[in-house]
């Protein structure tokens, strides 16, 4: 082969690999969900879907990418699942549940490959996706395991990508995923949408996972980056999927609204060198108006379903107050404070109280906010939480108590694990020293 021919072949191979990666990122959840319905095991379903991916890498390099690569992968994964079920039936000499699965799928197993591809195209996978997300976010798993497994099977992220996003070793993430799959299998968690009486609690677990992913992207807890936008985008994608799968659940639309509006500020939240830019100092011309419109539409959808707003919808309503204000001075802090009052009544927590204190300080002056903050100083849940001294330092500074404010900012800087945030807090401490002199 000539050098030119070799380069062309390499380029074609690289293009096929990129295509496979793109298809996998977009379609893997649907493929895994479809296979999991057959084998009733998320771990096994992912393994079979990965087998189909290996087949694609081998065959498409020779035959080229098929017209519908997602259908091709789904059909291959289904056939692998049927082969596995047949093997288990023969090995165990019994016909129980595996036999029933085989009977249900027998007709497709007899079709040729082209017919299997057509069948994959025709499948309605909405219910399967919903089953998959409820299984991956099952409360029997730890929070860390739910996050890792969801990003793996719903997001199509590799263990390396998840590890880099959360700044933990790849082996740790791999172990969490393996344990999660084993726990689901050992607990015999059914691959199903929970019944109505269980739905609210189980849906809360799903939404918690999605918002945890978003928050880690929006304000990274550790490392050198203030934000990790990829995680925000992944959480938004998952939230939008769930909102379409359960369109009558207002809290899902509330969460999507909250994430859309918060994500609209991404470009304005960082300066030229990646340094943090706080909300009231942001250039609002850099806010993404399309995301704000999408967020307001999702909030309206949540409100249209009737009933009292839930925690995510209330937080979205707060974010909407910022989104609608053309300048920081136009922000309706009175409404924000009232919304925080409602949130504190619905889901009382020290963090909600801390946020309420900020709103009260903006609406009624720093002394009103400081009174609420000082009541939180002995709160065990906020011990070691860097935003408590941060907020207190800000209020003290506004009240002219600069030496006290400096001590609070210095303490906050020792508590945060994010390099960018630490630099910002130390700069604010220096500003207190300058103001005091």
Foldseek 3Di string as FASTA:
>chain_A
DDPVVVVVLVVLLVVLVVVLLVCCQPQQLLLLLVLCVLVVASVVSSVLLVVLSVVSSVPCSPVNQDPDNSLSSSLSSNLVSLVVLVVVCVVVVDLPPSVVSCVVCVVVNPDDSVVSSVVSVPDDRLFSSLLVLLLLLPPLADLLLSLLQCCVRVRVDDLVVVCVLQVHDSVVSVVSPVVSSVSCVVVVPGSGQDDPVCNVVSVVSSLVSLVVQLVCQCAPQADAARGNVVSLVSSLVVLVSVCVSCVLALLSLLQNLLSLLSSQCVVFQADPVRFGDDLQRTQCVSGNVVSNVSSVVSLVSSVVSDDDDDLSSLSSVLSNQSVVDNHSVSRPLVVNLVSLVVNCVRPNDLVSLLVSLVSCCVVPNLVSSLVSLVVCPPPPVCVLPLVSLVSNLVSCVRVVVLVSSLVSLQVSLVSGNHPSSSVVSNVVSVVSVVSVD
